[in-house]
Amino acid sequence: MTVILPVVLFVYNRPEHTRETLEALLKNPEAERTDLWVFSDGPKTPEQESKVTEVRRLIELFKGFHHVELVKREKNFGLFNNIQKGLDRLFQEHEALIVLEDDLRPTPNFLAYMNGALAHYKDDQRVGSVCAYHYPADDPLPDGQDVFLFRRFTCWGWGSWRDRWQSIDWALPSKKEFLKNKKLLTTLSQASNDLPEILLDRIEGRNASWSIVVGLDHVKKNQYCVHPTVSKVQNIGFDGSGTHSGTLTKHAARQENNSQREFNWEAQVDSPWCRSAKKYFKNSLWRKAKNWLSVGRWF
């Protein structure tokens, strides 16, 4: 019988999104046997206090999980520090964890997929993480495959193991170091065409992404992420309410097969699904020309 792993939820100041995430998670049959840890970040400004308090009251009143543990941050940690410190703490006690944020709506088979994949791949050192989201694909794709291995790390519903998490190198290279390292730049670009640009923005402070650091670590270690061929989560945060998200609909995922409970865990590396995902993130010629003009690299 598959072990039921704890779910770790990171929340801030969006009570309605948090409610939708929790209600969707409760539709998973495994929820009643699942321990839920919630890390609630503190308000960044006095104006945020009421929304943060509302989220915390919602968590405290929510029923249906095996056990709920709420950690209230007294100060604003920011998403990066809240996630890093929260998972550092819990990975001391647990071999594997499932992670969600407050703007993600999981399918009714999200927990079956995540628990099963984390059990199946735990000893496969090629795999750095299991991801629950799959990008919209326009091309016709073959049936009969439930997962595939892809270089790109996706933080919209994911899970990993203690040994992988504790070995992450959180140090970022300088811009000069990164642009001189043609092998790493090429490998990162091959993983997904837009990743070098995202990493450069992170290095220069134009974004605060923690996931690009995990993705860089995966690439340096030649590790893959397990992705589903049918998404097990939908991002509901692109409505202008999030700290780091605007309004966007291009990431709406295909989810029509969310009642499936048994999965074929055989995964291909260079599958049609992988090629479709790479195509989804392929930079336009305009973006490549812009990058060449700004940093002297064509990606």
C-alpha atoms as a PDB file:
ATOM      1  CA  MET A   1       0.000   0.000   0.000  1.00  0.00           C
ATOM      2  CA  THR A   2       1.355   3.438  -0.979  1.00  0.00           C
ATOM      3  CA  VAL A   3       2.400   5.623   1.958  1.00  0.00           C
ATOM      4  CA  ILE A   4       0.255   8.752   2.304  1.00  0.00           C
ATOM      5  CA  LEU A   5       2.673  11.681   2.447  1.00  0.00           C
ATOM      6  CA  PRO A   6       2.143  15.031   4.180  1.00  0.00           C
ATOM      7  CA  VAL A   7       1.015  17.980   2.089  1.00  0.00           C
ATOM      8  CA  VAL A   8       2.678  21.341   2.717  1.00  0.00           C
ATOM      9  CA  LEU A   9       0.651  24.417   1.761  1.00  0.00           C
ATOM     10  CA  PHE A  10       2.122  27.922   1.601  1.00  0.00           C
ATOM     11  CA  VAL A  11      -0.389  30.759   1.977  1.00  0.00           C
ATOM     12  CA  TYR A  12      -0.411  34.511   2.299  1.00  0.00           C
ATOM     13  CA  ASN A  13      -3.332  36.922   1.844  1.00  0.00           C
ATOM     14  CA  ARG A  14      -5.828  35.334  -0.566  1.00  0.00           C
ATOM     15  CA  PRO A  15      -8.636  33.684   1.438  1.00  0.00           C
ATOM     16  CA  GLU A  16     -10.850  32.811  -1.552  1.00  0.00           C
ATOM     17  CA  HIS A  17      -7.992  31.199  -3.469  1.00  0.00           C
ATOM     18  CA  THR A  18      -6.940  29.321  -0.336  1.00  0.00           C
ATOM     19  CA  ARG A  19     -10.504  28.086   0.199  1.00  0.00           C
ATOM     20  CA  GLU A  20     -10.697  26.844  -3.385  1.00  0.00           C
ATOM     21  CA  THR A  21      -7.363  25.042  -3.024  1.00  0.00           C
ATOM     22  CA  LEU A  22      -8.455  23.324   0.203  1.00  0.00           C
ATOM     23  CA  GLU A  23     -11.904  22.377  -1.068  1.00  0.00           C
ATOM     24  CA  ALA A  24     -10.406  20.851  -4.205  1.00  0.00           C
ATOM     25  CA  LEU A  25      -7.815  18.960  -2.163  1.00  0.00           C
ATOM     26  CA  LEU A  26     -10.579  17.529   0.045  1.00  0.00           C
ATOM     27  CA  LYS A  27     -12.158  15.928  -3.036  1.00  0.00           C
ATOM     28  CA  ASN A  28      -9.184  13.539  -3.097  1.00  0.00           C
ATOM     29  CA  PRO A  29     -10.111  10.282  -1.291  1.00  0.00           C
ATOM     30  CA  GLU A  30      -6.651  10.292   0.378  1.00  0.00           C
ATOM     31  CA  ALA A  31      -7.318  13.657   2.086  1.00  0.00           C
ATOM     32  CA  GLU A  32      -8.824  12.128   5.223  1.00  0.00           C
ATOM     33  CA  ARG A  33      -5.552  10.229   5.784  1.00  0.00           C
ATOM     34  CA  THR A  34      -3.341  13.196   4.880  1.00  0.00           C
ATOM     35  CA  ASP A  35      -1.526  15.441   7.343  1.00  0.00           C
ATOM     36  CA  LEU A  36      -1.637  19.057   6.156  1.00  0.00           C
ATOM     37  CA  TRP A  37       1.034  21.560   7.148  1.00  0.00           C
ATOM     38  CA  VAL A  38       0.263  25.196   6.396  1.00  0.00           C
ATOM     39  CA  PHE A  39       2.898  27.938   6.515  1.00  0.00           C
ATOM     40  CA  SER A  40       1.174  31.314   6.669  1.00  0.00           C
ATOM     41  CA  ASP A  41       3.426  34.246   5.836  1.00  0.00           C
ATOM     42  CA  GLY A  42       3.147  37.433   7.884  1.00  0.00           C
ATOM     43  CA  PRO A  43       1.756  40.671   6.452  1.00  0.00           C
ATOM     44  CA  LYS A  44       4.106  42.824   4.410  1.00  0.00           C
ATOM     45  CA  THR A  45       2.176  45.989   5.295  1.00  0.00           C
ATOM     46  CA  PRO A  46      -0.466  46.883   7.923  1.00  0.00           C
ATOM     47  CA  GLU A  47      -3.057  46.924   5.125  1.00  0.00           C
ATOM     48  CA  GLN A  48      -2.469  43.190   4.578  1.00  0.00           C
ATOM     49  CA  GLU A  49      -3.128  42.168   8.195  1.00  0.00           C
ATOM     50  CA  SER A  50      -6.873  41.633   7.823  1.00  0.00           C
ATOM     51  CA  LYS A  51      -6.489  39.329   4.791  1.00  0.00           C
ATOM     52  CA  VAL A  52      -3.696  37.352   6.445  1.00  0.00           C
ATOM     53  CA  THR A  53      -5.872  36.953   9.559  1.00  0.00           C
ATOM     54  CA  GLU A  54      -8.827  35.855   7.413  1.00  0.00           C
ATOM     55  CA  VAL A  55      -6.699  33.171   5.743  1.00  0.00           C
ATOM     56  CA  ARG A  56      -5.532  31.892   9.130  1.00  0.00           C
ATOM     57  CA  ARG A  57      -9.073  31.695  10.514  1.00  0.00           C
ATOM     58  CA  LEU A  58     -10.101  29.753   7.432  1.00  0.00           C
ATOM     59  CA  ILE A  59      -7.290  27.243   7.977  1.00  0.00           C
ATOM     60  CA  GLU A  60      -8.135  26.830  11.662  1.00  0.00           C
ATOM     61  CA  LEU A  61     -11.799  26.076  10.897  1.00  0.00           C
ATOM     62  CA  PHE A  62     -11.198  23.738   7.968  1.00  0.00           C
ATOM     63  CA  LYS A  63     -12.050  20.085   8.587  1.00  0.00           C
ATOM     64  CA  GLY A  64     -11.540  16.866   6.629  1.00  0.00           C
ATOM     65  CA  PHE A  65      -7.816  16.189   6.756  1.00  0.00           C
ATOM     66  CA  HIS A  66      -6.198  13.713   9.145  1.00  0.00           C
ATOM     67  CA  HIS A  67      -4.411  16.535  10.947  1.00  0.00           C
ATOM     68  CA  VAL A  68      -3.805  20.223  10.224  1.00  0.00           C
ATOM     69  CA  GLU A  69      -0.792  22.101  11.592  1.00  0.00           C
ATOM     70  CA  LEU A  70      -0.729  25.877  11.041  1.00  0.00           C
ATOM     71  CA  VAL A  71       2.549  27.778  11.329  1.00  0.00           C
ATOM     72  CA  LYS A  72       1.990  31.533  11.611  1.00  0.00           C
ATOM     73  CA  ARG A  73       4.921  33.697  10.577  1.00  0.00           C
ATOM     74  CA  GLU A  74       5.084  36.794  12.780  1.00  0.00           C
ATOM     75  CA  LYS A  75       6.940  38.757  10.092  1.00  0.00           C
ATOM     76  CA  ASN A  76       6.816  38.701   6.315  1.00  0.00           C
ATOM     77  CA  PHE A  77       9.284  36.098   5.099  1.00  0.00           C
ATOM     78  CA  GLY A  78       8.497  36.422   1.413  1.00  0.00           C
ATOM     79  CA  LEU A  79       7.665  33.367  -0.673  1.00  0.00           C
ATOM     80  CA  PHE A  80      11.268  32.231  -1.188  1.00  0.00           C
ATOM     81  CA  ASN A  81      12.188  32.227   2.519  1.00  0.00           C
ATOM     82  CA  ASN A  82       8.823  30.891   3.647  1.00  0.00           C
ATOM     83  CA  ILE A  83       9.152  27.889   1.332  1.00  0.00           C
ATOM     84  CA  GLN A  84      12.839  27.284   1.947  1.00  0.00           C
ATOM     85  CA  LYS A  85      12.658  27.478   5.735  1.00  0.00           C
ATOM     86  CA  GLY A  86       9.375  25.583   5.907  1.00  0.00           C
ATOM     87  CA  LEU A  87      10.645  22.679   3.832  1.00  0.00           C
ATOM     88  CA  ASP A  88      14.032  22.695   5.574  1.00  0.00           C
ATOM     89  CA  ARG A  89      12.137  22.102   8.820  1.00  0.00           C
ATOM     90  CA  LEU A  90       9.781  19.392   7.561  1.00  0.00           C
ATOM     91  CA  PHE A  91      12.373  17.450   5.563  1.00  0.00           C
ATOM     92  CA  GLN A  92      14.182  16.852   8.846  1.00  0.00           C
ATOM     93  CA  GLU A  93      11.179  14.738   9.867  1.00  0.00           C
ATOM     94  CA  HIS A  94       9.867  13.338   6.568  1.00  0.00           C
ATOM     95  CA  GLU A  95      11.493  11.432   3.715  1.00  0.00           C
ATOM     96  CA  ALA A  96       9.207  12.971   1.089  1.00  0.00           C
ATOM     97  CA  LEU A  97       6.699  15.828   0.893  1.00  0.00           C
ATOM     98  CA  ILE A  98       3.989  17.149  -1.440  1.00  0.00           C
ATOM     99  CA  VAL A  99       3.934  20.927  -1.910  1.00  0.00           C
ATOM    100  CA  LEU A 100       1.161  23.351  -2.917  1.00  0.00           C
ATOM    101  CA  GLU A 101       0.696  27.110  -2.905  1.00  0.00           C
ATOM    102  CA  ASP A 102      -2.505  29.031  -2.263  1.00  0.00           C
ATOM    103  CA  ASP A 103      -3.361  29.671  -5.928  1.00  0.00           C
ATOM    104  CA  LEU A 104      -3.423  26.063  -7.121  1.00  0.00           C
ATOM    105  CA  ARG A 105      -6.544  23.944  -7.628  1.00  0.00           C
ATOM    106  CA  PRO A 106      -5.667  20.225  -7.556  1.00  0.00           C
ATOM    107  CA  THR A 107      -7.724  17.582  -9.323  1.00  0.00           C
ATOM    108  CA  PRO A 108      -9.480  14.767  -7.399  1.00  0.00           C
ATOM    109  CA  ASN A 109      -6.615  12.413  -8.302  1.00  0.00           C
ATOM    110  CA  PHE A 110      -3.803  14.824  -7.439  1.00  0.00           C
ATOM    111  CA  LEU A 111      -2.871  12.944  -4.255  1.00  0.00           C
ATOM    112  CA  ALA A 112      -3.077   9.534  -5.937  1.00  0.00           C
ATOM    113  CA  TYR A 113      -0.701  10.776  -8.626  1.00  0.00           C
ATOM    114  CA  MET A 114       1.734  12.537  -6.264  1.00  0.00           C
ATOM    115  CA  ASN A 115       1.903   9.762  -3.650  1.00  0.00           C
ATOM    116  CA  GLY A 116       2.287   7.122  -6.346  1.00  0.00           C
ATOM    117  CA  ALA A 117       4.986   8.964  -8.293  1.00  0.00           C
ATOM    118  CA  LEU A 118       7.008   9.828  -5.189  1.00  0.00           C
ATOM    119  CA  ALA A 119       6.889   6.184  -4.094  1.00  0.00           C
ATOM    120  CA  HIS A 120       7.825   4.875  -7.545  1.00  0.00           C
ATOM    121  CA  TYR A 121      10.752   7.207  -8.245  1.00  0.00           C
ATOM    122  CA  LYS A 122      12.234   7.600  -4.758  1.00  0.00           C
ATOM    123  CA  ASP A 123      15.315   5.488  -5.553  1.00  0.00           C
ATOM    124  CA  ASP A 124      15.757   6.793  -9.098  1.00  0.00           C
ATOM    125  CA  GLN A 125      18.520   9.363  -8.791  1.00  0.00           C
ATOM    126  CA  ARG A 126      17.840  10.612 -12.324  1.00  0.00           C
ATOM    127  CA  VAL A 127      14.725  12.244 -10.889  1.00  0.00           C
ATOM    128  CA  GLY A 128      14.992  15.391  -8.803  1.00  0.00           C
ATOM    129  CA  SER A 129      11.295  16.060  -8.313  1.00  0.00           C
ATOM    130  CA  VAL A 130       7.742  15.138  -9.282  1.00  0.00           C
ATOM    131  CA  CYS A 131       5.578  17.869 -10.807  1.00  0.00           C
ATOM    132  CA  ALA A 132       1.777  17.877 -11.073  1.00  0.00           C
ATOM    133  CA  TYR A 133       1.266  20.474 -13.791  1.00  0.00           C
ATOM    134  CA  HIS A 134       1.506  19.937 -17.525  1.00  0.00           C
ATOM    135  CA  TYR A 135       1.580  22.771 -20.010  1.00  0.00           C
ATOM    136  CA  PRO A 136      -1.205  23.144 -22.586  1.00  0.00           C
ATOM    137  CA  ALA A 137      -0.281  21.278 -25.751  1.00  0.00           C
ATOM    138  CA  ASP A 138      -1.752  22.169 -29.118  1.00  0.00           C
ATOM    139  CA  ASP A 139      -0.295  19.237 -31.021  1.00  0.00           C
ATOM    140  CA  PRO A 140      -2.006  15.808 -31.115  1.00  0.00           C
ATOM    141  CA  LEU A 141      -0.184  13.536 -28.700  1.00  0.00           C
ATOM    142  CA  PRO A 142      -0.199   9.739 -28.334  1.00  0.00           C
ATOM    143  CA  ASP A 143      -2.311   7.912 -25.744  1.00  0.00           C
ATOM    144  CA  GLY A 144      -1.156   5.322 -23.224  1.00  0.00           C
ATOM    145  CA  GLN A 145       1.533   7.377 -21.502  1.00  0.00           C
ATOM    146  CA  ASP A 146       0.764   8.924 -18.103  1.00  0.00           C
ATOM    147  CA  VAL A 147       4.124  10.526 -17.267  1.00  0.00           C
ATOM    148  CA  PHE A 148       7.255  11.732 -18.999  1.00  0.00           C
ATOM    149  CA  LEU A 149      10.669  12.997 -17.905  1.00  0.00           C
ATOM    150  CA  PHE A 150      11.366  16.656 -18.614  1.00  0.00           C
ATOM    151  CA  ARG A 151      14.299  18.846 -17.548  1.00  0.00           C
ATOM    152  CA  ARG A 152      12.200  21.812 -16.533  1.00  0.00           C
ATOM    153  CA  PHE A 153      11.188  22.059 -12.858  1.00  0.00           C
ATOM    154  CA  THR A 154       7.634  23.311 -12.332  1.00  0.00           C
ATOM    155  CA  CYS A 155       6.517  24.537  -8.911  1.00  0.00           C
ATOM    156  CA  TRP A 156       2.758  24.438  -9.542  1.00  0.00           C
ATOM    157  CA  GLY A 157       2.129  21.402  -7.372  1.00  0.00           C
ATOM    158  CA  TRP A 158       5.215  19.300  -6.847  1.00  0.00           C
ATOM    159  CA  GLY A 159       7.006  16.969  -4.477  1.00  0.00           C
ATOM    160  CA  SER A 160      10.481  15.725  -3.690  1.00  0.00           C
ATOM    161  CA  TRP A 161      12.575  13.712  -1.269  1.00  0.00           C
ATOM    162  CA  ARG A 162      14.777  14.674   1.652  1.00  0.00           C
ATOM    163  CA  ASP A 163      18.061  13.735  -0.024  1.00  0.00           C
ATOM    164  CA  ARG A 164      17.292  15.783  -3.155  1.00  0.00           C
ATOM    165  CA  TRP A 165      16.076  18.831  -1.232  1.00  0.00           C
ATOM    166  CA  GLN A 166      18.939  18.887   1.244  1.00  0.00           C
ATOM    167  CA  SER A 167      21.527  18.686  -1.544  1.00  0.00           C
ATOM    168  CA  ILE A 168      20.260  21.738  -3.465  1.00  0.00           C
ATOM    169  CA  ASP A 169      22.907  24.369  -4.128  1.00  0.00           C
ATOM    170  CA  TRP A 170      21.125  27.674  -3.486  1.00  0.00           C
ATOM    171  CA  ALA A 171      24.080  29.831  -4.558  1.00  0.00           C
ATOM    172  CA  LEU A 172      23.601  31.715  -7.799  1.00  0.00           C
ATOM    173  CA  PRO A 173      26.424  32.426 -10.245  1.00  0.00           C
ATOM    174  CA  SER A 174      27.216  36.004 -11.169  1.00  0.00           C
ATOM    175  CA  LYS A 175      25.981  37.241 -14.527  1.00  0.00           C
ATOM    176  CA  LYS A 176      29.539  37.153 -15.876  1.00  0.00           C
ATOM    177  CA  GLU A 177      30.153  33.610 -14.596  1.00  0.00           C
ATOM    178  CA  PHE A 178      26.920  32.340 -16.091  1.00  0.00           C
ATOM    179  CA  LEU A 179      27.388  33.923 -19.512  1.00  0.00           C
ATOM    180  CA  LYS A 180      30.959  32.581 -19.713  1.00  0.00           C
ATOM    181  CA  ASN A 181      29.801  29.054 -18.841  1.00  0.00           C
ATOM    182  CA  LYS A 182      28.647  28.085 -22.333  1.00  0.00           C
ATOM    183  CA  LYS A 183      28.090  24.451 -21.387  1.00  0.00           C
ATOM    184  CA  LEU A 184      25.712  25.318 -18.550  1.00  0.00           C
ATOM    185  CA  LEU A 185      23.945  27.976 -20.598  1.00  0.00           C
ATOM    186  CA  THR A 186      23.449  25.543 -23.475  1.00  0.00           C
ATOM    187  CA  THR A 187      22.249  22.759 -21.171  1.00  0.00           C
ATOM    188  CA  LEU A 188      19.800  25.088 -19.430  1.00  0.00           C
ATOM    189  CA  SER A 189      18.525  26.339 -22.786  1.00  0.00           C
ATOM    190  CA  GLN A 190      18.101  22.755 -24.015  1.00  0.00           C
ATOM    191  CA  ALA A 191      16.096  21.978 -20.878  1.00  0.00           C
ATOM    192  CA  SER A 192      13.716  24.785 -21.804  1.00  0.00           C
ATOM    193  CA  ASN A 193      14.465  27.669 -24.097  1.00  0.00           C
ATOM    194  CA  ASP A 194      13.349  30.449 -21.760  1.00  0.00           C
ATOM    195  CA  LEU A 195      15.252  29.316 -18.649  1.00  0.00           C
ATOM    196  CA  PRO A 196      18.515  31.254 -19.269  1.00  0.00           C
ATOM    197  CA  GLU A 197      16.520  34.481 -19.501  1.00  0.00           C
ATOM    198  CA  ILE A 198      14.593  33.718 -16.289  1.00  0.00           C
ATOM    199  CA  LEU A 199      17.837  32.880 -14.487  1.00  0.00           C
ATOM    200  CA  LEU A 200      19.513  36.097 -15.650  1.00  0.00           C
ATOM    201  CA  ASP A 201      16.514  38.059 -14.390  1.00  0.00           C
ATOM    202  CA  ARG A 202      16.856  36.254 -11.041  1.00  0.00           C
ATOM    203  CA  ILE A 203      20.592  36.999 -10.857  1.00  0.00           C
ATOM    204  CA  GLU A 204      19.993  40.675 -11.587  1.00  0.00           C
ATOM    205  CA  GLY A 205      17.060  40.978  -9.182  1.00  0.00           C
ATOM    206  CA  ARG A 206      14.248  41.393 -11.706  1.00  0.00           C
ATOM    207  CA  ASN A 207      12.418  38.430 -10.238  1.00  0.00           C
ATOM    208  CA  ALA A 208      12.461  36.633  -6.887  1.00  0.00           C
ATOM    209  CA  SER A 209      11.940  33.131  -8.261  1.00  0.00           C
ATOM    210  CA  TRP A 210      13.016  30.296  -5.986  1.00  0.00           C
ATOM    211  CA  SER A 211      11.951  27.693  -8.534  1.00  0.00           C
ATOM    212  CA  ILE A 212      14.556  28.754 -11.101  1.00  0.00           C
ATOM    213  CA  VAL A 213      17.243  27.982  -8.492  1.00  0.00           C
ATOM    214  CA  VAL A 214      15.827  24.482  -8.019  1.00  0.00           C
ATOM    215  CA  GLY A 215      15.595  24.114 -11.793  1.00  0.00           C
ATOM    216  CA  LEU A 216      19.224  25.191 -12.193  1.00  0.00           C
ATOM    217  CA  ASP A 217      20.270  22.657  -9.558  1.00  0.00           C
ATOM    218  CA  HIS A 218      18.398  19.895 -11.417  1.00  0.00           C
ATOM    219  CA  VAL A 219      20.127  20.808 -14.670  1.00  0.00           C
ATOM    220  CA  LYS A 220      23.591  20.901 -13.088  1.00  0.00           C
ATOM    221  CA  LYS A 221      22.971  17.446 -11.605  1.00  0.00           C
ATOM    222  CA  ASN A 222      21.556  16.098 -14.873  1.00  0.00           C
ATOM    223  CA  GLN A 223      18.258  15.364 -13.131  1.00  0.00           C
ATOM    224  CA  TYR A 224      14.747  15.241 -14.557  1.00  0.00           C
ATOM    225  CA  CYS A 225      11.288  16.142 -13.292  1.00  0.00           C
ATOM    226  CA  VAL A 226       8.438  13.682 -13.635  1.00  0.00           C
ATOM    227  CA  HIS A 227       5.514  15.408 -15.365  1.00  0.00           C
ATOM    228  CA  PRO A 228       1.988  14.111 -16.003  1.00  0.00           C
ATOM    229  CA  THR A 229       0.681  13.960 -19.555  1.00  0.00           C
ATOM    230  CA  VAL A 230      -2.615  15.305 -18.180  1.00  0.00           C
ATOM    231  CA  SER A 231      -2.274  18.093 -15.631  1.00  0.00           C
ATOM    232  CA  LYS A 232      -3.208  17.324 -12.031  1.00  0.00           C
ATOM    233  CA  VAL A 233      -3.404  20.980 -11.024  1.00  0.00           C
ATOM    234  CA  GLN A 234      -4.686  24.280 -12.394  1.00  0.00           C
ATOM    235  CA  ASN A 235      -3.192  27.656 -11.516  1.00  0.00           C
ATOM    236  CA  ILE A 236      -6.036  29.966 -10.471  1.00  0.00           C
ATOM    237  CA  GLY A 237      -3.808  32.856  -9.446  1.00  0.00           C
ATOM    238  CA  PHE A 238      -3.504  34.728 -12.738  1.00  0.00           C
ATOM    239  CA  ASP A 239      -6.275  37.156 -11.845  1.00  0.00           C
ATOM    240  CA  GLY A 240      -4.116  40.032 -10.631  1.00  0.00           C
ATOM    241  CA  SER A 241      -4.409  39.031  -6.956  1.00  0.00           C
ATOM    242  CA  GLY A 242      -0.949  37.532  -6.489  1.00  0.00           C
ATOM    243  CA  THR A 243       2.293  39.177  -5.426  1.00  0.00           C
ATOM    244  CA  HIS A 244       4.219  37.681  -8.358  1.00  0.00           C
ATOM    245  CA  SER A 245       1.466  37.034 -10.920  1.00  0.00           C
ATOM    246  CA  GLY A 246      -0.426  39.214 -13.330  1.00  0.00           C
ATOM    247  CA  THR A 247      -3.441  38.312 -15.448  1.00  0.00           C
ATOM    248  CA  LEU A 248      -2.837  35.488 -17.888  1.00  0.00           C
ATOM    249  CA  THR A 249      -4.831  32.617 -19.374  1.00  0.00           C
ATOM    250  CA  LYS A 250      -2.212  30.899 -21.572  1.00  0.00           C
ATOM    251  CA  HIS A 251      -1.363  28.425 -18.790  1.00  0.00           C
ATOM    252  CA  ALA A 252      -4.875  26.950 -18.509  1.00  0.00           C
ATOM    253  CA  ALA A 253      -4.246  23.199 -18.480  1.00  0.00           C
ATOM    254  CA  ARG A 254      -6.095  20.209 -19.929  1.00  0.00           C
ATOM    255  CA  GLN A 255      -7.673  18.179 -17.077  1.00  0.00           C
ATOM    256  CA  GLU A 256     -10.474  16.053 -18.485  1.00  0.00           C
ATOM    257  CA  ASN A 257      -9.149  12.708 -17.149  1.00  0.00           C
ATOM    258  CA  ASN A 258      -8.968  13.598 -13.474  1.00  0.00           C
ATOM    259  CA  SER A 259     -10.743  10.465 -12.183  1.00  0.00           C
ATOM    260  CA  GLN A 260      -7.842   8.151 -13.110  1.00  0.00           C
ATOM    261  CA  ARG A 261      -6.348   6.467 -10.031  1.00  0.00           C
ATOM    262  CA  GLU A 262      -3.860   3.972 -11.440  1.00  0.00           C
ATOM    263  CA  PHE A 263      -0.943   5.202 -13.520  1.00  0.00           C
ATOM    264  CA  ASN A 264       1.617   3.803 -15.898  1.00  0.00           C
ATOM    265  CA  TRP A 265       4.889   5.028 -14.351  1.00  0.00           C
ATOM    266  CA  GLU A 266       7.070   4.113 -17.322  1.00  0.00           C
ATOM    267  CA  ALA A 267       8.536   7.417 -18.453  1.00  0.00           C
ATOM    268  CA  GLN A 268      10.352   8.375 -21.616  1.00  0.00           C
ATOM    269  CA  VAL A 269      12.914  11.162 -21.769  1.00  0.00           C
ATOM    270  CA  ASP A 270      12.588  12.279 -25.398  1.00  0.00           C
ATOM    271  CA  SER A 271       8.871  11.649 -25.820  1.00  0.00           C
ATOM    272  CA  PRO A 272       6.364  13.597 -27.929  1.00  0.00           C
ATOM    273  CA  TRP A 273       5.096  15.084 -24.667  1.00  0.00           C
ATOM    274  CA  CYS A 274       8.571  16.398 -23.861  1.00  0.00           C
ATOM    275  CA  ARG A 275       8.987  17.868 -27.326  1.00  0.00           C
ATOM    276  CA  SER A 276       5.578  19.527 -27.041  1.00  0.00           C
ATOM    277  CA  ALA A 277       6.519  21.089 -23.690  1.00  0.00           C
ATOM    278  CA  LYS A 278       9.777  22.419 -25.152  1.00  0.00           C
ATOM    279  CA  LYS A 279       7.856  23.913 -28.063  1.00  0.00           C
ATOM    280  CA  TYR A 280       5.509  25.648 -25.630  1.00  0.00           C
ATOM    281  CA  PHE A 281       8.439  27.548 -24.084  1.00  0.00           C
ATOM    282  CA  LYS A 282      10.391  28.196 -27.266  1.00  0.00           C
ATOM    283  CA  ASN A 283      11.501  31.819 -27.505  1.00  0.00           C
ATOM    284  CA  SER A 284      10.470  33.783 -30.552  1.00  0.00           C
ATOM    285  CA  LEU A 285      13.085  35.086 -32.990  1.00  0.00           C
ATOM    286  CA  TRP A 286      12.382  38.553 -31.597  1.00  0.00           C
ATOM    287  CA  ARG A 287      13.188  37.402 -28.046  1.00  0.00           C
ATOM    288  CA  LYS A 288      16.336  35.645 -29.227  1.00  0.00           C
ATOM    289  CA  ALA A 289      17.486  38.750 -31.081  1.00  0.00           C
ATOM    290  CA  LYS A 290      16.733  40.866 -27.992  1.00  0.00           C
ATOM    291  CA  ASN A 291      18.816  38.535 -25.819  1.00  0.00           C
ATOM    292  CA  TRP A 292      21.666  38.626 -28.331  1.00  0.00           C
ATOM    293  CA  LEU A 293      21.681  42.418 -28.292  1.00  0.00           C
ATOM    294  CA  SER A 294      21.476  42.666 -24.487  1.00  0.00           C
ATOM    295  CA  VAL A 295      23.837  39.883 -23.341  1.00  0.00           C
ATOM    296  CA  GLY A 296      25.525  38.592 -26.494  1.00  0.00           C
ATOM    297  CA  ARG A 297      23.904  35.158 -26.342  1.00  0.00           C
ATOM    298  CA  TRP A 298      21.325  33.658 -28.719  1.00  0.00           C
ATOM    299  CA  PHE A 299      18.676  31.908 -26.632  1.00  0.00           C
END
